[in-house]
C-alpha atoms as a PDB file:
ATOM      1  CA  UNK A   1     -15.232 -11.582  11.864  1.00  0.00           C
ATOM      2  CA  UNK A   2     -14.752  -9.161   8.880  1.00  0.00           C
ATOM      3  CA  UNK A   3     -11.542  -6.704   8.891  1.00  0.00           C
ATOM      4  CA  UNK A   4     -11.888  -3.281   9.735  1.00  0.00           C
ATOM      5  CA  UNK A   5     -11.502  -0.988   7.071  1.00  0.00           C
ATOM      6  CA  UNK A   6      -9.391   2.092   7.007  1.00  0.00           C
ATOM      7  CA  UNK A   7     -11.709   5.067   6.300  1.00  0.00           C
ATOM      8  CA  UNK A   8     -10.328   8.144   5.162  1.00  0.00           C
ATOM      9  CA  UNK A   9     -11.375  11.558   6.496  1.00  0.00           C
ATOM     10  CA  UNK A  10     -11.733  12.750   2.436  1.00  0.00           C
ATOM     11  CA  UNK A  11     -14.080  10.948   0.166  1.00  0.00           C
ATOM     12  CA  UNK A  12     -12.299  11.456  -3.530  1.00  0.00           C
ATOM     13  CA  UNK A  13     -12.369   9.298  -6.598  1.00  0.00           C
ATOM     14  CA  UNK A  14     -15.761   8.188  -5.821  1.00  0.00           C
ATOM     15  CA  UNK A  15     -14.431   5.531  -3.452  1.00  0.00           C
ATOM     16  CA  UNK A  16     -16.529   6.143  -0.248  1.00  0.00           C
ATOM     17  CA  UNK A  17     -13.641   7.276   2.071  1.00  0.00           C
ATOM     18  CA  UNK A  18     -12.391   3.352   2.000  1.00  0.00           C
ATOM     19  CA  UNK A  19      -8.744   4.465   2.137  1.00  0.00           C
ATOM     20  CA  UNK A  20      -7.744   0.949   0.401  1.00  0.00           C
ATOM     21  CA  UNK A  21      -9.396   2.257  -2.840  1.00  0.00           C
ATOM     22  CA  UNK A  22      -8.417   5.581  -2.899  1.00  0.00           C
ATOM     23  CA  UNK A  23      -4.424   4.332  -2.605  1.00  0.00           C
ATOM     24  CA  UNK A  24      -4.736   1.480  -5.177  1.00  0.00           C
ATOM     25  CA  UNK A  25      -6.290   3.740  -7.632  1.00  0.00           C
ATOM     26  CA  UNK A  26      -3.774   5.006 -10.140  1.00  0.00           C
ATOM     27  CA  UNK A  27      -5.539   8.550 -10.266  1.00  0.00           C
ATOM     28  CA  UNK A  28      -7.348   9.215  -7.266  1.00  0.00           C
ATOM     29  CA  UNK A  29      -4.685  11.364  -5.406  1.00  0.00           C
ATOM     30  CA  UNK A  30      -4.211  13.663  -8.360  1.00  0.00           C
ATOM     31  CA  UNK A  31      -7.747  15.186  -7.652  1.00  0.00           C
ATOM     32  CA  UNK A  32      -6.384  16.385  -4.169  1.00  0.00           C
ATOM     33  CA  UNK A  33      -5.581  19.883  -3.782  1.00  0.00           C
ATOM     34  CA  UNK A  34      -2.537  21.006  -1.318  1.00  0.00           C
ATOM     35  CA  UNK A  35      -4.808  21.591   1.351  1.00  0.00           C
ATOM     36  CA  UNK A  36      -6.302  18.332   1.312  1.00  0.00           C
ATOM     37  CA  UNK A  37      -3.059  16.631   0.775  1.00  0.00           C
ATOM     38  CA  UNK A  38      -1.779  17.985   3.581  1.00  0.00           C
ATOM     39  CA  UNK A  39      -4.640  17.103   5.848  1.00  0.00           C
ATOM     40  CA  UNK A  40      -4.916  13.555   4.208  1.00  0.00           C
ATOM     41  CA  UNK A  41      -0.914  13.280   4.914  1.00  0.00           C
ATOM     42  CA  UNK A  42      -1.465  14.015   8.532  1.00  0.00           C
ATOM     43  CA  UNK A  43      -4.498  11.587   9.377  1.00  0.00           C
ATOM     44  CA  UNK A  44      -2.601   8.663   7.740  1.00  0.00           C
ATOM     45  CA  UNK A  45       0.404   9.402   9.926  1.00  0.00           C
ATOM     46  CA  UNK A  46      -1.932   9.254  13.046  1.00  0.00           C
ATOM     47  CA  UNK A  47      -3.699   6.036  11.721  1.00  0.00           C
ATOM     48  CA  UNK A  48      -0.241   4.342  11.455  1.00  0.00           C
ATOM     49  CA  UNK A  49      -0.197   2.827  15.306  1.00  0.00           C
ATOM     50  CA  UNK A  50      -3.908   1.852  14.824  1.00  0.00           C
ATOM     51  CA  UNK A  51      -3.663  -0.002  11.728  1.00  0.00           C
ATOM     52  CA  UNK A  52      -0.772  -2.404  12.509  1.00  0.00           C
ATOM     53  CA  UNK A  53      -2.407  -3.285  15.765  1.00  0.00           C
ATOM     54  CA  UNK A  54      -5.736  -4.391  13.635  1.00  0.00           C
ATOM     55  CA  UNK A  55      -3.400  -6.333  11.496  1.00  0.00           C
ATOM     56  CA  UNK A  56      -2.004  -7.783  14.129  1.00  0.00           C
ATOM     57  CA  UNK A  57      -4.823  -8.984  16.226  1.00  0.00           C
ATOM     58  CA  UNK A  58      -6.444 -10.286  12.633  1.00  0.00           C
ATOM     59  CA  UNK A  59      -3.709 -12.309  11.890  1.00  0.00           C
ATOM     60  CA  UNK A  60      -3.572 -13.535  15.164  1.00  0.00           C
ATOM     61  CA  UNK A  61      -6.911 -15.102  15.217  1.00  0.00           C
ATOM     62  CA  UNK A  62      -6.221 -17.232  12.419  1.00  0.00           C
ATOM     63  CA  UNK A  63      -2.648 -17.952  13.248  1.00  0.00           C
ATOM     64  CA  UNK A  64      -2.105 -17.899  17.127  1.00  0.00           C
ATOM     65  CA  UNK A  65       1.091 -19.752  16.996  1.00  0.00           C
ATOM     66  CA  UNK A  66       2.369 -16.570  15.118  1.00  0.00           C
ATOM     67  CA  UNK A  67       5.108 -14.488  16.696  1.00  0.00           C
ATOM     68  CA  UNK A  68       3.983 -10.696  17.476  1.00  0.00           C
ATOM     69  CA  UNK A  69       5.475  -8.319  14.992  1.00  0.00           C
ATOM     70  CA  UNK A  70       8.754  -7.246  16.070  1.00  0.00           C
ATOM     71  CA  UNK A  71       9.367  -4.739  12.895  1.00  0.00           C
ATOM     72  CA  UNK A  72      12.267  -7.166  12.009  1.00  0.00           C
ATOM     73  CA  UNK A  73      12.527  -7.699   8.433  1.00  0.00           C
ATOM     74  CA  UNK A  74      12.037 -11.235   8.839  1.00  0.00           C
ATOM     75  CA  UNK A  75       8.597 -10.686  10.230  1.00  0.00           C
ATOM     76  CA  UNK A  76       7.506 -10.314   6.481  1.00  0.00           C
ATOM     77  CA  UNK A  77       7.508 -13.725   5.741  1.00  0.00           C
ATOM     78  CA  UNK A  78       4.852 -15.505   7.814  1.00  0.00           C
ATOM     79  CA  UNK A  79       2.742 -12.228   7.603  1.00  0.00           C
ATOM     80  CA  UNK A  80       2.937 -12.508   3.740  1.00  0.00           C
ATOM     81  CA  UNK A  81       2.434 -16.124   3.872  1.00  0.00           C
ATOM     82  CA  UNK A  82      -0.578 -15.735   5.924  1.00  0.00           C
ATOM     83  CA  UNK A  83      -1.935 -12.948   3.572  1.00  0.00           C
ATOM     84  CA  UNK A  84      -1.782 -15.122   0.398  1.00  0.00           C
ATOM     85  CA  UNK A  85      -4.181 -17.244   1.844  1.00  0.00           C
ATOM     86  CA  UNK A  86      -6.787 -13.903   2.272  1.00  0.00           C
ATOM     87  CA  UNK A  87      -6.207 -12.572  -1.312  1.00  0.00           C
ATOM     88  CA  UNK A  88      -9.511 -12.826  -2.765  1.00  0.00           C
ATOM     89  CA  UNK A  89     -11.201 -11.141  -6.315  1.00  0.00           C
ATOM     90  CA  UNK A  90     -15.164 -10.980  -7.100  1.00  0.00           C
ATOM     91  CA  UNK A  91     -16.674  -9.780 -10.385  1.00  0.00           C
ATOM     92  CA  UNK A  92     -16.889  -6.076 -10.939  1.00  0.00           C
ATOM     93  CA  UNK A  93     -20.457  -4.652 -11.388  1.00  0.00           C
ATOM     94  CA  UNK A  94     -21.145  -3.088 -14.804  1.00  0.00           C
ATOM     95  CA  UNK A  95     -20.805   0.510 -13.276  1.00  0.00           C
ATOM     96  CA  UNK A  96     -17.559  -0.114 -11.887  1.00  0.00           C
ATOM     97  CA  UNK A  97     -16.426  -1.698 -15.329  1.00  0.00           C
ATOM     98  CA  UNK A  98     -17.370   1.553 -17.279  1.00  0.00           C
ATOM     99  CA  UNK A  99     -15.963   3.802 -14.392  1.00  0.00           C
ATOM    100  CA  UNK A 100     -12.691   1.775 -15.150  1.00  0.00           C
ATOM    101  CA  UNK A 101     -12.741   2.632 -18.888  1.00  0.00           C
ATOM    102  CA  UNK A 102     -13.680   6.170 -18.172  1.00  0.00           C
ATOM    103  CA  UNK A 103     -10.007   6.840 -16.696  1.00  0.00           C
ATOM    104  CA  UNK A 104      -8.231   5.319 -19.821  1.00  0.00           C
ATOM    105  CA  UNK A 105      -7.554   6.502 -23.228  1.00  0.00           C
ATOM    106  CA  UNK A 106      -9.980   5.477 -25.902  1.00  0.00           C
ATOM    107  CA  UNK A 107      -7.581   2.667 -27.559  1.00  0.00           C
ATOM    108  CA  UNK A 108      -6.878   0.580 -24.729  1.00  0.00           C
ATOM    109  CA  UNK A 109     -10.742   0.287 -23.814  1.00  0.00           C
ATOM    110  CA  UNK A 110     -11.134  -2.881 -25.197  1.00  0.00           C
ATOM    111  CA  UNK A 111      -8.354  -4.096 -22.751  1.00  0.00           C
ATOM    112  CA  UNK A 112      -9.833  -2.485 -20.176  1.00  0.00           C
ATOM    113  CA  UNK A 113     -13.133  -4.352 -20.636  1.00  0.00           C
ATOM    114  CA  UNK A 114     -11.524  -7.410 -20.695  1.00  0.00           C
ATOM    115  CA  UNK A 115     -10.617  -6.913 -16.911  1.00  0.00           C
ATOM    116  CA  UNK A 116     -14.027  -7.952 -15.134  1.00  0.00           C
ATOM    117  CA  UNK A 117     -12.806  -9.257 -11.792  1.00  0.00           C
ATOM    118  CA  UNK A 118     -11.658  -6.789  -8.788  1.00  0.00           C
ATOM    119  CA  UNK A 119     -10.030  -7.641  -5.398  1.00  0.00           C
ATOM    120  CA  UNK A 120     -12.156  -7.268  -2.473  1.00  0.00           C
ATOM    121  CA  UNK A 121     -12.313  -4.539  -0.347  1.00  0.00           C
ATOM    122  CA  UNK A 122     -10.426  -6.268   2.865  1.00  0.00           C
ATOM    123  CA  UNK A 123      -7.651  -7.627   0.414  1.00  0.00           C
ATOM    124  CA  UNK A 124      -6.855  -4.413  -0.532  1.00  0.00           C
ATOM    125  CA  UNK A 125      -7.227  -3.087   2.950  1.00  0.00           C
ATOM    126  CA  UNK A 126      -5.164  -5.839   4.280  1.00  0.00           C
ATOM    127  CA  UNK A 127      -2.439  -5.051   1.660  1.00  0.00           C
ATOM    128  CA  UNK A 128      -2.880  -1.137   2.496  1.00  0.00           C
ATOM    129  CA  UNK A 129      -1.978  -2.118   6.232  1.00  0.00           C
ATOM    130  CA  UNK A 130       0.911  -4.288   5.533  1.00  0.00           C
ATOM    131  CA  UNK A 131       2.456  -1.585   3.624  1.00  0.00           C
ATOM    132  CA  UNK A 132       2.166   0.236   6.490  1.00  0.00           C
ATOM    133  CA  UNK A 133       3.904  -2.314   8.524  1.00  0.00           C
ATOM    134  CA  UNK A 134       6.311  -2.436   5.616  1.00  0.00           C
ATOM    135  CA  UNK A 135       7.001   1.467   5.909  1.00  0.00           C
ATOM    136  CA  UNK A 136       7.651   1.134   9.753  1.00  0.00           C
ATOM    137  CA  UNK A 137      10.047  -1.719   9.375  1.00  0.00           C
ATOM    138  CA  UNK A 138      12.236   0.836   7.396  1.00  0.00           C
ATOM    139  CA  UNK A 139      11.968   3.571   9.058  1.00  0.00           C
ATOM    140  CA  UNK A 140      13.189   1.587  12.392  1.00  0.00           C
ATOM    141  CA  UNK A 141      16.079  -0.041  10.908  1.00  0.00           C
ATOM    142  CA  UNK A 142      17.247   3.722   8.859  1.00  0.00           C
ATOM    143  CA  UNK A 143      15.851   6.697  11.258  1.00  0.00           C
ATOM    144  CA  UNK A 144      17.223   8.940   8.670  1.00  0.00           C
ATOM    145  CA  UNK A 145      14.432   7.928   6.252  1.00  0.00           C
ATOM    146  CA  UNK A 146      10.800   9.603   7.291  1.00  0.00           C
ATOM    147  CA  UNK A 147       7.293   9.558   5.886  1.00  0.00           C
ATOM    148  CA  UNK A 148       6.448  12.621   3.475  1.00  0.00           C
ATOM    149  CA  UNK A 149       4.356  13.626   0.612  1.00  0.00           C
ATOM    150  CA  UNK A 150       5.442  14.991  -3.075  1.00  0.00           C
ATOM    151  CA  UNK A 151       3.392  17.204  -4.275  1.00  0.00           C
ATOM    152  CA  UNK A 152       5.127  17.620  -7.892  1.00  0.00           C
ATOM    153  CA  UNK A 153       5.279  16.647 -10.656  1.00  0.00           C
ATOM    154  CA  UNK A 154       1.823  16.710 -10.236  1.00  0.00           C
ATOM    155  CA  UNK A 155       0.729  13.899 -12.398  1.00  0.00           C
ATOM    156  CA  UNK A 156       3.335  11.834 -11.335  1.00  0.00           C
ATOM    157  CA  UNK A 157       1.993   8.350  -9.985  1.00  0.00           C
ATOM    158  CA  UNK A 158       3.052   9.074  -6.185  1.00  0.00           C
ATOM    159  CA  UNK A 159       2.186  12.529  -6.060  1.00  0.00           C
ATOM    160  CA  UNK A 160      -0.260  13.441  -2.471  1.00  0.00           C
ATOM    161  CA  UNK A 161       0.621   9.876  -1.419  1.00  0.00           C
ATOM    162  CA  UNK A 162       2.190   9.152   1.693  1.00  0.00           C
ATOM    163  CA  UNK A 163       5.723   7.693   0.703  1.00  0.00           C
ATOM    164  CA  UNK A 164       9.232   7.467   2.357  1.00  0.00           C
ATOM    165  CA  UNK A 165      11.404   9.915   1.595  1.00  0.00           C
ATOM    166  CA  UNK A 166      15.500  10.572   1.777  1.00  0.00           C
ATOM    167  CA  UNK A 167      16.429   7.735   0.019  1.00  0.00           C
ATOM    168  CA  UNK A 168      20.152   7.634  -1.663  1.00  0.00           C
ATOM    169  CA  UNK A 169      20.959   7.364  -5.632  1.00  0.00           C
ATOM    170  CA  UNK A 170      18.625   7.823  -8.329  1.00  0.00           C
ATOM    171  CA  UNK A 171      15.373   6.562  -6.248  1.00  0.00           C
ATOM    172  CA  UNK A 172      13.954   9.730  -4.373  1.00  0.00           C
ATOM    173  CA  UNK A 173      11.127   7.978  -2.775  1.00  0.00           C
ATOM    174  CA  UNK A 174       9.987   4.244  -1.749  1.00  0.00           C
ATOM    175  CA  UNK A 175       6.224   3.935  -2.064  1.00  0.00           C
ATOM    176  CA  UNK A 176       5.395   1.030  -0.240  1.00  0.00           C
ATOM    177  CA  UNK A 177       1.520   0.734  -1.294  1.00  0.00           C
ATOM    178  CA  UNK A 178       2.233   0.323  -4.649  1.00  0.00           C
ATOM    179  CA  UNK A 179       5.220  -2.453  -3.817  1.00  0.00           C
ATOM    180  CA  UNK A 180       2.435  -4.434  -1.873  1.00  0.00           C
ATOM    181  CA  UNK A 181      -0.008  -3.988  -4.529  1.00  0.00           C
ATOM    182  CA  UNK A 182       2.529  -5.510  -7.087  1.00  0.00           C
ATOM    183  CA  UNK A 183       3.018  -8.142  -5.217  1.00  0.00           C
ATOM    184  CA  UNK A 184      -0.534  -8.994  -4.051  1.00  0.00           C
ATOM    185  CA  UNK A 185      -1.189  -9.553  -7.887  1.00  0.00           C
ATOM    186  CA  UNK A 186       1.853 -11.933  -8.275  1.00  0.00           C
ATOM    187  CA  UNK A 187       0.672 -13.596  -5.447  1.00  0.00           C
ATOM    188  CA  UNK A 188      -2.743 -14.016  -6.471  1.00  0.00           C
ATOM    189  CA  UNK A 189      -1.117 -16.263  -9.334  1.00  0.00           C
ATOM    190  CA  UNK A 190       1.517 -18.002  -7.622  1.00  0.00           C
ATOM    191  CA  UNK A 191       2.314 -17.898  -4.137  1.00  0.00           C
ATOM    192  CA  UNK A 192       5.491 -16.869  -2.750  1.00  0.00           C
ATOM    193  CA  UNK A 193       6.000 -16.342   1.186  1.00  0.00           C
ATOM    194  CA  UNK A 194       9.293 -14.624   0.394  1.00  0.00           C
ATOM    195  CA  UNK A 195       8.901 -12.100  -1.916  1.00  0.00           C
ATOM    196  CA  UNK A 196       7.858  -9.250   0.334  1.00  0.00           C
ATOM    197  CA  UNK A 197      10.967  -9.715   2.385  1.00  0.00           C
ATOM    198  CA  UNK A 198      12.979 -10.475  -0.772  1.00  0.00           C
ATOM    199  CA  UNK A 199      12.007  -7.028  -2.304  1.00  0.00           C
ATOM    200  CA  UNK A 200      12.580  -5.363   1.238  1.00  0.00           C
ATOM    201  CA  UNK A 201      16.618  -6.848   0.902  1.00  0.00           C
ATOM    202  CA  UNK A 202      17.175  -5.721  -2.657  1.00  0.00           C
ATOM    203  CA  UNK A 203      15.749  -2.293  -1.876  1.00  0.00           C
ATOM    204  CA  UNK A 204      17.847  -2.207   1.197  1.00  0.00           C
ATOM    205  CA  UNK A 205      21.057  -3.209  -0.582  1.00  0.00           C
ATOM    206  CA  UNK A 206      20.187  -0.254  -3.346  1.00  0.00           C
ATOM    207  CA  UNK A 207      18.661   2.529  -1.402  1.00  0.00           C
ATOM    208  CA  UNK A 208      18.380   1.964   2.237  1.00  0.00           C
ATOM    209  CA  UNK A 209      21.673   3.885   3.018  1.00  0.00           C
ATOM    210  CA  UNK A 210      22.250   5.285   6.214  1.00  0.00           C
ATOM    211  CA  UNK A 211      23.076   9.260   6.156  1.00  0.00           C
ATOM    212  CA  UNK A 212      26.630  10.171   6.432  1.00  0.00           C
ATOM    213  CA  UNK A 213      25.668  12.228   9.306  1.00  0.00           C
ATOM    214  CA  UNK A 214      23.820   9.818  11.474  1.00  0.00           C
ATOM    215  CA  UNK A 215      25.695   8.511  14.338  1.00  0.00           C
END
């Protein structure tokens, strides 16, 4: 059974409304106007319950012994252990390689052309939904934090992307999608079922501090 992809209301960066491709494209969200960014964020927020439900149902098919998602940090361990078995890459088409080359400066073209493999849409879509679940775990533990988006600086990586706001210290936001994407790349080389959980605990210790006004 194929995983149900998250389809966005807006097509940009040539990704045919496939949200996972948009989220994991470093430059895609730069194209959005303020109106589009707001529309995208409201759509994203409305999709959160559905995407988490789909993720659980898909995992349960292959891991019937797994405990239902309870929004505890510990639930990230079996989830990531299962996800590591789903990470898959396939060859890029010539058109896709040229698209990648077009996004980067000429002086690194040779290096970009060496990257001839891509992660499948299912791999990316699962990563996106895991990042959504990660975000919801954080919000349930720290209700002073919340989903939002930042329009400026316009060329900053997380501009116009849904992120978690109101962190303390030097970190203005937490981007769960970027975190999961980086760990996905690491897990494609060497499995570590605890790495997402460990990273959550690191951020918790450093930045997920309750507001002084929180009861």
